[in-house]
Every structure is written in structure tokens, then in C-alpha cells.
C-alpha atoms as a PDB file:
ATOM      1  CA  MET A   1     -16.118  28.206  43.228  1.00  0.00           C
ATOM      2  CA  GLY A   2     -17.133  26.501  39.019  1.00  0.00           C
ATOM      3  CA  LYS A   3     -14.571  25.201  37.092  1.00  0.00           C
ATOM      4  CA  GLU A   4     -13.479  28.234  34.095  1.00  0.00           C
ATOM      5  CA  GLU A   5     -14.480  26.633  30.859  1.00  0.00           C
ATOM      6  CA  ARG A   6     -11.780  25.414  28.452  1.00  0.00           C
ATOM      7  CA  LYS A   7     -11.525  28.649  25.315  1.00  0.00           C
ATOM      8  CA  TYR A   8     -10.155  26.869  21.913  1.00  0.00           C
ATOM      9  CA  TRP A   9      -8.273  29.119  19.489  1.00  0.00           C
ATOM     10  CA  LEU A  10      -6.450  28.956  16.017  1.00  0.00           C
ATOM     11  CA  LEU A  11      -2.964  30.057  16.119  1.00  0.00           C
ATOM     12  CA  LYS A  12      -1.608  31.156  12.274  1.00  0.00           C
ATOM     13  CA  THR A  13       1.972  31.038  11.814  1.00  0.00           C
ATOM     14  CA  GLU A  14       3.923  30.706   8.240  1.00  0.00           C
ATOM     15  CA  PRO A  15       5.513  27.479   7.652  1.00  0.00           C
ATOM     16  CA  GLY A  16       8.890  29.037   7.015  1.00  0.00           C
ATOM     17  CA  GLU A  17       8.706  30.562   9.845  1.00  0.00           C
ATOM     18  CA  TRP A  18       7.803  27.916  12.474  1.00  0.00           C
ATOM     19  CA  SER A  19       5.852  24.599  10.951  1.00  0.00           C
ATOM     20  CA  TRP A  20       4.288  22.033  12.989  1.00  0.00           C
ATOM     21  CA  ASP A  21       7.356  20.122  12.436  1.00  0.00           C
ATOM     22  CA  ASP A  22       9.777  22.990  13.706  1.00  0.00           C
ATOM     23  CA  GLN A  23       6.843  22.862  16.398  1.00  0.00           C
ATOM     24  CA  ALA A  24       6.778  18.630  16.597  1.00  0.00           C
ATOM     25  CA  ALA A  25      11.250  17.947  16.661  1.00  0.00           C
ATOM     26  CA  ASN A  26      10.961  21.440  19.600  1.00  0.00           C
ATOM     27  CA  GLY A  27       9.806  17.834  22.075  1.00  0.00           C
ATOM     28  CA  GLY A  28       6.598  19.374  20.955  1.00  0.00           C
ATOM     29  CA  VAL A  29       7.061  22.715  23.542  1.00  0.00           C
ATOM     30  CA  THR A  30       7.303  26.532  22.305  1.00  0.00           C
ATOM     31  CA  GLU A  31       6.572  30.129  23.524  1.00  0.00           C
ATOM     32  CA  TRP A  32       4.658  32.121  21.321  1.00  0.00           C
ATOM     33  CA  ASP A  33       5.534  34.865  20.640  1.00  0.00           C
ATOM     34  CA  GLY A  34       5.911  37.642  18.417  1.00  0.00           C
ATOM     35  CA  VAL A  35       2.780  38.881  18.180  1.00  0.00           C
ATOM     36  CA  LYS A  36       2.125  42.318  17.336  1.00  0.00           C
ATOM     37  CA  ASN A  37      -1.747  42.929  17.056  1.00  0.00           C
ATOM     38  CA  LYS A  38      -3.152  43.871  20.307  1.00  0.00           C
ATOM     39  CA  GLN A  39      -6.521  42.083  19.133  1.00  0.00           C
ATOM     40  CA  ALA A  40      -4.345  39.408  19.242  1.00  0.00           C
ATOM     41  CA  GLN A  41      -2.016  39.549  21.695  1.00  0.00           C
ATOM     42  CA  LYS A  42      -5.663  40.290  24.122  1.00  0.00           C
ATOM     43  CA  TYR A  43      -7.070  36.816  22.736  1.00  0.00           C
ATOM     44  CA  LEU A  44      -3.406  35.027  23.472  1.00  0.00           C
ATOM     45  CA  LYS A  45      -4.232  37.231  27.276  1.00  0.00           C
ATOM     46  CA  SER A  46      -7.303  35.519  27.556  1.00  0.00           C
ATOM     47  CA  MET A  47      -5.630  32.288  27.212  1.00  0.00           C
ATOM     48  CA  LYS A  48      -5.807  29.287  30.205  1.00  0.00           C
ATOM     49  CA  LEU A  49      -3.734  26.197  30.405  1.00  0.00           C
ATOM     50  CA  THR A  50      -5.826  23.095  29.213  1.00  0.00           C
ATOM     51  CA  ASP A  51      -7.252  25.197  26.802  1.00  0.00           C
ATOM     52  CA  LEU A  52      -6.267  24.153  23.067  1.00  0.00           C
ATOM     53  CA  CYS A  53      -5.250  26.267  19.692  1.00  0.00           C
ATOM     54  CA  PHE A  54      -5.698  24.721  15.943  1.00  0.00           C
ATOM     55  CA  PHE A  55      -2.354  24.710  14.287  1.00  0.00           C
ATOM     56  CA  TYR A  56      -2.959  26.826  11.413  1.00  0.00           C
ATOM     57  CA  HIS A  57      -0.718  27.422   8.330  1.00  0.00           C
ATOM     58  CA  SER A  58      -0.864  30.102   6.585  1.00  0.00           C
ATOM     59  CA  GLY A  59       0.744  31.371   3.662  1.00  0.00           C
ATOM     60  CA  ALA A  60       0.597  31.351  -0.616  1.00  0.00           C
ATOM     61  CA  LYS A  61       0.232  27.445  -0.453  1.00  0.00           C
ATOM     62  CA  SER A  62      -0.739  26.592   2.321  1.00  0.00           C
ATOM     63  CA  ARG A  63      -3.435  27.967   3.771  1.00  0.00           C
ATOM     64  CA  ARG A  64      -4.690  24.451   6.846  1.00  0.00           C
ATOM     65  CA  VAL A  65      -5.110  22.948  10.019  1.00  0.00           C
ATOM     66  CA  ILE A  66      -2.268  20.689  10.869  1.00  0.00           C
ATOM     67  CA  GLY A  67      -2.687  19.985  14.122  1.00  0.00           C
ATOM     68  CA  VAL A  68      -2.931  20.768  17.570  1.00  0.00           C
ATOM     69  CA  VAL A  69      -1.843  22.437  20.511  1.00  0.00           C
ATOM     70  CA  THR A  70      -2.261  23.298  24.005  1.00  0.00           C
ATOM     71  CA  VAL A  71      -1.800  26.397  26.732  1.00  0.00           C
ATOM     72  CA  VAL A  72       0.919  24.091  28.673  1.00  0.00           C
ATOM     73  CA  LYS A  73       2.097  28.400  29.990  1.00  0.00           C
ATOM     74  CA  GLU A  74      -0.124  31.810  30.597  1.00  0.00           C
ATOM     75  CA  TRP A  75       0.630  35.654  29.023  1.00  0.00           C
ATOM     76  CA  TYR A  76       4.068  36.413  30.692  1.00  0.00           C
ATOM     77  CA  GLY A  77       7.087  38.895  29.928  1.00  0.00           C
ATOM     78  CA  ASP A  78       4.734  41.405  29.085  1.00  0.00           C
ATOM     79  CA  GLY A  79       7.143  43.728  30.772  1.00  0.00           C
ATOM     80  CA  ASP A  80       9.820  44.646  27.981  1.00  0.00           C
ATOM     81  CA  GLY A  81       8.500  45.847  25.892  1.00  0.00           C
ATOM     82  CA  ASN A  82       8.051  43.324  22.298  1.00  0.00           C
ATOM     83  CA  GLY A  83       4.962  41.831  23.223  1.00  0.00           C
ATOM     84  CA  GLY A  84       4.624  38.603  25.918  1.00  0.00           C
ATOM     85  CA  ALA A  85       3.550  34.815  24.807  1.00  0.00           C
ATOM     86  CA  VAL A  86       2.225  32.240  25.868  1.00  0.00           C
ATOM     87  CA  ASP A  87       4.224  28.245  25.960  1.00  0.00           C
ATOM     88  CA  VAL A  88       1.972  25.310  23.581  1.00  0.00           C
ATOM     89  CA  LYS A  89       2.321  22.287  23.453  1.00  0.00           C
ATOM     90  CA  ALA A  90       1.750  19.753  20.710  1.00  0.00           C
ATOM     91  CA  VAL A  91      -0.993  17.524  21.361  1.00  0.00           C
ATOM     92  CA  GLY A  92      -1.385  15.879  17.899  1.00  0.00           C
ATOM     93  CA  GLU A  93      -1.549  16.386  14.112  1.00  0.00           C
ATOM     94  CA  MET A  94      -4.851  16.669  12.639  1.00  0.00           C
ATOM     95  CA  ARG A  95      -5.455  12.738  11.016  1.00  0.00           C
ATOM     96  CA  ARG A  96      -6.749  14.828   7.684  1.00  0.00           C
ATOM     97  CA  GLN A  97      -5.250  18.299   7.150  1.00  0.00           C
ATOM     98  CA  VAL A  98      -8.103  20.908   6.768  1.00  0.00           C
ATOM     99  CA  ASP A  99      -7.771  23.477   4.206  1.00  0.00           C
ATOM    100  CA  LEU A 100      -9.077  27.287   3.734  1.00  0.00           C
ATOM    101  CA  LYS A 101     -10.785  26.992   1.284  1.00  0.00           C
ATOM    102  CA  GLU A 102     -12.753  23.332   2.364  1.00  0.00           C
ATOM    103  CA  MET A 103     -14.373  25.407   5.760  1.00  0.00           C
ATOM    104  CA  LYS A 104     -15.261  28.040   3.339  1.00  0.00           C
ATOM    105  CA  GLY A 105     -17.832  25.633   2.091  1.00  0.00           C
ATOM    106  CA  ASP A 106     -19.001  24.459   4.710  1.00  0.00           C
ATOM    107  CA  SER A 107     -22.035  25.670   6.151  1.00  0.00           C
ATOM    108  CA  GLY A 108     -21.065  24.320   9.666  1.00  0.00           C
ATOM    109  CA  LEU A 109     -18.287  27.371   9.552  1.00  0.00           C
ATOM    110  CA  LYS A 110     -20.292  30.746   8.744  1.00  0.00           C
ATOM    111  CA  GLY A 111     -20.164  32.980  11.106  1.00  0.00           C
ATOM    112  CA  PHE A 112     -15.593  31.321  12.023  1.00  0.00           C
ATOM    113  CA  ALA A 113     -14.181  34.702  12.826  1.00  0.00           C
ATOM    114  CA  LEU A 114     -10.972  33.184  10.742  1.00  0.00           C
ATOM    115  CA  PHE A 115     -12.735  34.205   8.109  1.00  0.00           C
ATOM    116  CA  ARG A 116     -14.198  37.675   9.383  1.00  0.00           C
ATOM    117  CA  GLN A 117     -11.131  38.435  11.317  1.00  0.00           C
ATOM    118  CA  PRO A 118      -7.984  37.151   7.941  1.00  0.00           C
ATOM    119  CA  ARG A 119      -5.221  39.460   8.971  1.00  0.00           C
ATOM    120  CA  LEU A 120      -5.080  37.932  12.977  1.00  0.00           C
ATOM    121  CA  SER A 121      -2.276  35.616  13.719  1.00  0.00           C
ATOM    122  CA  VAL A 122      -4.614  35.034  16.746  1.00  0.00           C
ATOM    123  CA  VAL A 123      -8.546  34.162  16.512  1.00  0.00           C
ATOM    124  CA  PRO A 124     -11.278  32.727  19.000  1.00  0.00           C
ATOM    125  CA  VAL A 125     -12.213  29.289  17.611  1.00  0.00           C
ATOM    126  CA  SER A 126     -16.454  27.940  19.490  1.00  0.00           C
ATOM    127  CA  GLU A 127     -16.691  25.125  20.132  1.00  0.00           C
ATOM    128  CA  ASP A 128     -19.205  24.199  18.045  1.00  0.00           C
ATOM    129  CA  VAL A 129     -16.423  24.851  14.852  1.00  0.00           C
ATOM    130  CA  TRP A 130     -13.912  23.380  16.764  1.00  0.00           C
ATOM    131  CA  GLU A 131     -15.691  20.692  16.439  1.00  0.00           C
ATOM    132  CA  ARG A 132     -16.935  20.714  13.707  1.00  0.00           C
ATOM    133  CA  VAL A 133     -13.472  21.394  12.277  1.00  0.00           C
ATOM    134  CA  CYS A 134     -12.217  18.012  14.120  1.00  0.00           C
ATOM    135  CA  ASP A 135     -14.663  16.656  12.280  1.00  0.00           C
ATOM    136  CA  LEU A 136     -14.200  17.244   8.476  1.00  0.00           C
ATOM    137  CA  GLY A 137     -10.673  16.158   9.503  1.00  0.00           C
ATOM    138  CA  GLY A 138     -11.060  12.462  11.691  1.00  0.00           C
ATOM    139  CA  GLY A 139     -10.378  14.245  14.582  1.00  0.00           C
ATOM    140  CA  TYR A 140      -6.571  14.605  15.818  1.00  0.00           C
ATOM    141  CA  GLU A 141      -3.774  12.208  17.882  1.00  0.00           C
ATOM    142  CA  GLY A 142      -4.785  12.137  21.178  1.00  0.00           C
ATOM    143  CA  ASP A 143      -8.178  12.812  20.809  1.00  0.00           C
ATOM    144  CA  GLY A 144      -8.974  10.325  23.000  1.00  0.00           C
ATOM    145  CA  LYS A 145     -11.038   8.599  19.638  1.00  0.00           C
ATOM    146  CA  ASP A 146      -7.779   6.976  18.486  1.00  0.00           C
ATOM    147  CA  ASP A 147      -9.753   2.614  19.360  1.00  0.00           C
ATOM    148  CA  SER A 148     -13.276   4.819  18.149  1.00  0.00           C
ATOM    149  CA  ILE A 149     -12.350   5.755  14.367  1.00  0.00           C
ATOM    150  CA  GLN A 150     -13.072   1.987  12.116  1.00  0.00           C
ATOM    151  CA  ASP A 151     -13.294   3.387   9.297  1.00  0.00           C
ATOM    152  CA  HIS A 152      -9.981   4.389   8.668  1.00  0.00           C
ATOM    153  CA  ASP A 153      -9.363   6.252   5.108  1.00  0.00           C
ATOM    154  CA  GLU A 154      -6.113   7.154   4.184  1.00  0.00           C
ATOM    155  CA  GLY A 155      -7.498   8.423   1.017  1.00  0.00           C
ATOM    156  CA  GLY A 156      -5.503  11.302  -0.417  1.00  0.00           C
ATOM    157  CA  GLY A 157      -6.994  13.262  -3.169  1.00  0.00           C
ATOM    158  CA  ASP A 158      -8.314  17.513  -3.069  1.00  0.00           C
END
């Protein structure tokens, strides 16, 4: 029996409802629930342990990838009619947040489901897109590349 490939996802949240700071303050673990759209629920149901997800702030002022979480509990709680959930745990913050405008302008991200299905709160991310967004953001804390970054630029400015 072969090991299943890790999959990648993007989870959207309004920072006023659940922000990266909330995620971190919660011991890093939360129940990702409240997803009503059937297609987004289907994606949540497809998530497996150790899958990685971009934590994406939506809303008019903050459309950007903030960090990375991993699935620590697969889909559960579907029987009550309120939908189910997966549990996710913070892995680490992006070294540099990646803005939606920047992603849309990057030719390596053409066809990203985030652009094709902008209203969905959960979308799949191909491995190529995952790697490209990670490159744009300089990786994320906990990606195992902390020691290899020699030219660490703290410069801001957009």
C-alpha cells in the first residue's frame, strides 16, 4: 500500500471573525467550521491528516496569505445538520505576507482556484502553486528552511 500524497489547500477567513492572531492565541489549534457552501464542504471532507493549508485573510483591506496550518483532525460532526469541521493547527506565519494583487500579477499562478472560484472559502492548491506562493512569501516559519535563508531582507514597502 502506497502512502497518499499530501494535498494543499487554501482556507479563507475574515480577520474580524477569525484572524491569524486568534489562531496563534488558541494554542494554534482550532475547529474549522461554519462552511455552508457544498463545494467548499466537499473540499473540507477531502482533507487528510498532515495536509497543509494557506491561512488566507479575506475582506476588502487584507486579501493575503498570512500563514500555514496543517490538518490535525479529519472531517467530523456532519450529522447535526449544521455541517462539519476539520481541526487545523498553526505551523507558522509567512515570512512575508503574499497579497492577492501580487498573486494575480504572477504568471506562475495562472489558473489558481482562488482566482477561478473567488467566493469559495476553501479551495484546492496545486503543488506548483503552493511552491510559487511559498517562494513569493519567502517560505513560512516551520518549513524547515529557516537555517538556509542567508539573504534575509526585512525591507517592507509594497
